[in-house]
Amino acid sequence: MIHRFYRDANGDPRAKTGRDQRLLGRFLETDVQGSKGICEELLTALGDIAAGHRKHFKMTGNAHTLILNKRLARIRPEFGSGPDLVLAPAELRQALQEWKTLLTNTPQDHPG
């Protein structure tokens, strides 16, 4: 999975991904946004599913629906006609952990 998470000139979290992962970047920017709480909720759901404590998880955000089970993580756009993105749960976990790290770090170049 090739991506780069960074803060833009306004200090907002952004995701740059390859074409095949574009929906992941959009999901992080529009649905998770700057919320460490949503990151934690999703990481907890992934962990609970992996441990067998729950079978699935579903969340609809601002622009996407995320569907999780033991075998896959599916990001479905709520608008437009593009295809869903299907990831291994481990790939989504890695991206969420990296996004959370970005959110935890204070923007270096942003005043205030």
C-alpha atoms as a PDB file:
ATOM      1  CA  MET A   1       0.000   0.000   0.000  1.00  0.00           C
ATOM      2  CA  ILE A   2       1.590   3.256  -1.142  1.00  0.00           C
ATOM      3  CA  HIS A   3       0.405   6.425   0.591  1.00  0.00           C
ATOM      4  CA  ARG A   4       1.639   9.542   2.289  1.00  0.00           C
ATOM      5  CA  PHE A   5      -0.177  11.283   5.105  1.00  0.00           C
ATOM      6  CA  TYR A   6       0.679  14.908   5.803  1.00  0.00           C
ATOM      7  CA  ARG A   7      -0.747  18.253   6.900  1.00  0.00           C
ATOM      8  CA  ASP A   8      -1.533  20.891   4.318  1.00  0.00           C
ATOM      9  CA  ALA A   9      -0.712  24.608   4.610  1.00  0.00           C
ATOM     10  CA  ASN A  10      -3.755  25.089   6.875  1.00  0.00           C
ATOM     11  CA  GLY A  11      -2.690  22.247   9.170  1.00  0.00           C
ATOM     12  CA  ASP A  12      -5.467  19.915   7.964  1.00  0.00           C
ATOM     13  CA  PRO A  13      -4.668  16.192   7.641  1.00  0.00           C
ATOM     14  CA  ARG A  14      -4.372  15.007   4.034  1.00  0.00           C
ATOM     15  CA  ALA A  15      -3.788  11.689   2.312  1.00  0.00           C
ATOM     16  CA  LYS A  16      -1.955  11.182  -0.953  1.00  0.00           C
ATOM     17  CA  THR A  17      -2.450   7.674  -2.334  1.00  0.00           C
ATOM     18  CA  GLY A  18      -1.981   5.755  -5.506  1.00  0.00           C
ATOM     19  CA  ARG A  19      -4.915   5.485  -7.879  1.00  0.00           C
ATOM     20  CA  ASP A  20      -5.948   2.066  -6.574  1.00  0.00           C
ATOM     21  CA  GLN A  21      -6.099   3.391  -2.977  1.00  0.00           C
ATOM     22  CA  ARG A  22      -7.733   6.759  -3.723  1.00  0.00           C
ATOM     23  CA  LEU A  23     -10.932   5.810  -1.895  1.00  0.00           C
ATOM     24  CA  LEU A  24      -8.931   5.106   1.269  1.00  0.00           C
ATOM     25  CA  GLY A  25      -7.498   8.637   1.169  1.00  0.00           C
ATOM     26  CA  ARG A  26     -10.919  10.153   0.613  1.00  0.00           C
ATOM     27  CA  PHE A  27     -12.360   8.101   3.479  1.00  0.00           C
ATOM     28  CA  LEU A  28      -9.653   9.299   5.866  1.00  0.00           C
ATOM     29  CA  GLU A  29      -9.967  12.940   4.803  1.00  0.00           C
ATOM     30  CA  THR A  30     -13.783  13.186   4.727  1.00  0.00           C
ATOM     31  CA  ASP A  31     -15.005  10.656   7.277  1.00  0.00           C
ATOM     32  CA  VAL A  32     -12.246  10.235   9.859  1.00  0.00           C
ATOM     33  CA  GLN A  33     -10.926  13.784   9.364  1.00  0.00           C
ATOM     34  CA  GLY A  34      -9.030  15.049  12.407  1.00  0.00           C
ATOM     35  CA  SER A  35     -10.748  12.758  14.902  1.00  0.00           C
ATOM     36  CA  LYS A  36      -8.453  10.585  17.002  1.00  0.00           C
ATOM     37  CA  GLY A  37     -11.661   9.244  18.589  1.00  0.00           C
ATOM     38  CA  ILE A  38     -12.921   7.844  15.283  1.00  0.00           C
ATOM     39  CA  CYS A  39      -9.482   6.321  14.647  1.00  0.00           C
ATOM     40  CA  GLU A  40      -9.642   4.647  18.061  1.00  0.00           C
ATOM     41  CA  GLU A  41     -13.193   3.414  17.461  1.00  0.00           C
ATOM     42  CA  LEU A  42     -12.205   1.842  14.146  1.00  0.00           C
ATOM     43  CA  LEU A  43      -8.984   0.331  15.513  1.00  0.00           C
ATOM     44  CA  THR A  44     -10.957  -1.125  18.439  1.00  0.00           C
ATOM     45  CA  ALA A  45     -13.540  -2.598  16.058  1.00  0.00           C
ATOM     46  CA  LEU A  46     -10.769  -4.161  13.953  1.00  0.00           C
ATOM     47  CA  GLY A  47      -9.190  -5.633  17.091  1.00  0.00           C
ATOM     48  CA  ASP A  48     -12.510  -6.953  18.402  1.00  0.00           C
ATOM     49  CA  ILE A  49     -13.244  -8.648  15.075  1.00  0.00           C
ATOM     50  CA  ALA A  50      -9.751 -10.154  14.861  1.00  0.00           C
ATOM     51  CA  ALA A  51     -10.124 -11.502  18.422  1.00  0.00           C
ATOM     52  CA  GLY A  52     -13.555 -12.975  17.664  1.00  0.00           C
ATOM     53  CA  HIS A  53     -15.438 -10.663  20.056  1.00  0.00           C
ATOM     54  CA  ARG A  54     -17.657  -9.391  17.259  1.00  0.00           C
ATOM     55  CA  LYS A  55     -18.434 -10.603  13.753  1.00  0.00           C
ATOM     56  CA  HIS A  56     -18.737  -7.325  11.870  1.00  0.00           C
ATOM     57  CA  PHE A  57     -18.811  -3.559  12.145  1.00  0.00           C
ATOM     58  CA  LYS A  58     -20.453  -0.932   9.953  1.00  0.00           C
ATOM     59  CA  MET A  59     -20.090   2.843  10.022  1.00  0.00           C
ATOM     60  CA  THR A  60     -21.508   5.434   7.649  1.00  0.00           C
ATOM     61  CA  GLY A  61     -19.688   8.742   7.738  1.00  0.00           C
ATOM     62  CA  ASN A  62     -19.923  11.947   5.731  1.00  0.00           C
ATOM     63  CA  ALA A  63     -19.225  10.396   2.330  1.00  0.00           C
ATOM     64  CA  HIS A  64     -18.490   6.667   2.748  1.00  0.00           C
ATOM     65  CA  THR A  65     -19.687   3.531   4.474  1.00  0.00           C
ATOM     66  CA  LEU A  66     -17.097   1.247   6.045  1.00  0.00           C
ATOM     67  CA  ILE A  67     -17.967  -2.428   6.443  1.00  0.00           C
ATOM     68  CA  LEU A  68     -15.616  -4.677   8.404  1.00  0.00           C
ATOM     69  CA  ASN A  69     -15.489  -8.396   8.997  1.00  0.00           C
ATOM     70  CA  LYS A  70     -12.708 -10.879   9.692  1.00  0.00           C
ATOM     71  CA  ARG A  71     -11.754 -11.245   6.003  1.00  0.00           C
ATOM     72  CA  LEU A  72     -12.176  -7.757   4.562  1.00  0.00           C
ATOM     73  CA  ALA A  73     -12.592  -4.046   5.019  1.00  0.00           C
ATOM     74  CA  ARG A  74     -14.886  -2.499   2.402  1.00  0.00           C
ATOM     75  CA  ILE A  75     -15.107   1.248   1.791  1.00  0.00           C
ATOM     76  CA  ARG A  76     -18.201   2.154  -0.198  1.00  0.00           C
ATOM     77  CA  PRO A  77     -18.694   5.680  -1.574  1.00  0.00           C
ATOM     78  CA  GLU A  78     -22.098   7.127  -0.718  1.00  0.00           C
ATOM     79  CA  PHE A  79     -22.025   9.493  -3.689  1.00  0.00           C
ATOM     80  CA  GLY A  80     -21.121   8.842  -7.303  1.00  0.00           C
ATOM     81  CA  SER A  81     -20.833   5.566  -9.111  1.00  0.00           C
ATOM     82  CA  GLY A  82     -17.288   4.431  -8.366  1.00  0.00           C
ATOM     83  CA  PRO A  83     -16.492   0.904  -7.240  1.00  0.00           C
ATOM     84  CA  ASP A  84     -15.961  -0.072  -3.613  1.00  0.00           C
ATOM     85  CA  LEU A  85     -12.442  -0.435  -2.274  1.00  0.00           C
ATOM     86  CA  VAL A  86     -11.777  -3.786  -0.627  1.00  0.00           C
ATOM     87  CA  LEU A  87      -8.762  -4.075   1.666  1.00  0.00           C
ATOM     88  CA  ALA A  88      -7.392  -6.671   4.034  1.00  0.00           C
ATOM     89  CA  PRO A  89      -8.218  -5.613   7.609  1.00  0.00           C
ATOM     90  CA  ALA A  90      -4.465  -5.430   8.339  1.00  0.00           C
ATOM     91  CA  GLU A  91      -4.025  -2.845   5.555  1.00  0.00           C
ATOM     92  CA  LEU A  92      -6.783  -0.661   6.997  1.00  0.00           C
ATOM     93  CA  ARG A  93      -5.347  -1.063  10.513  1.00  0.00           C
ATOM     94  CA  GLN A  94      -1.923   0.101   9.304  1.00  0.00           C
ATOM     95  CA  ALA A  95      -3.399   3.133   7.532  1.00  0.00           C
ATOM     96  CA  LEU A  96      -5.493   4.070  10.585  1.00  0.00           C
ATOM     97  CA  GLN A  97      -2.495   3.764  12.897  1.00  0.00           C
ATOM     98  CA  GLU A  98      -0.452   6.026  10.610  1.00  0.00           C
ATOM     99  CA  TRP A  99      -3.359   8.515  10.336  1.00  0.00           C
ATOM    100  CA  LYS A 100      -3.697   8.551  14.128  1.00  0.00           C
ATOM    101  CA  THR A 101       0.048   9.233  14.450  1.00  0.00           C
ATOM    102  CA  LEU A 102      -0.351  12.178  12.086  1.00  0.00           C
ATOM    103  CA  LEU A 103      -3.268  13.496  14.159  1.00  0.00           C
ATOM    104  CA  THR A 104      -1.338  13.058  17.400  1.00  0.00           C
ATOM    105  CA  ASN A 105       1.651  15.031  16.162  1.00  0.00           C
ATOM    106  CA  THR A 106       1.237  18.780  16.408  1.00  0.00           C
ATOM    107  CA  PRO A 107       1.492  20.524  13.041  1.00  0.00           C
ATOM    108  CA  GLN A 108       5.040  21.856  12.746  1.00  0.00           C
ATOM    109  CA  ASP A 109       4.475  24.692  10.266  1.00  0.00           C
ATOM    110  CA  HIS A 110       0.974  25.729  11.253  1.00  0.00           C
ATOM    111  CA  PRO A 111       0.773  28.862  13.386  1.00  0.00           C
ATOM    112  CA  GLY A 112      -1.268  28.735  16.540  1.00  0.00           C
END
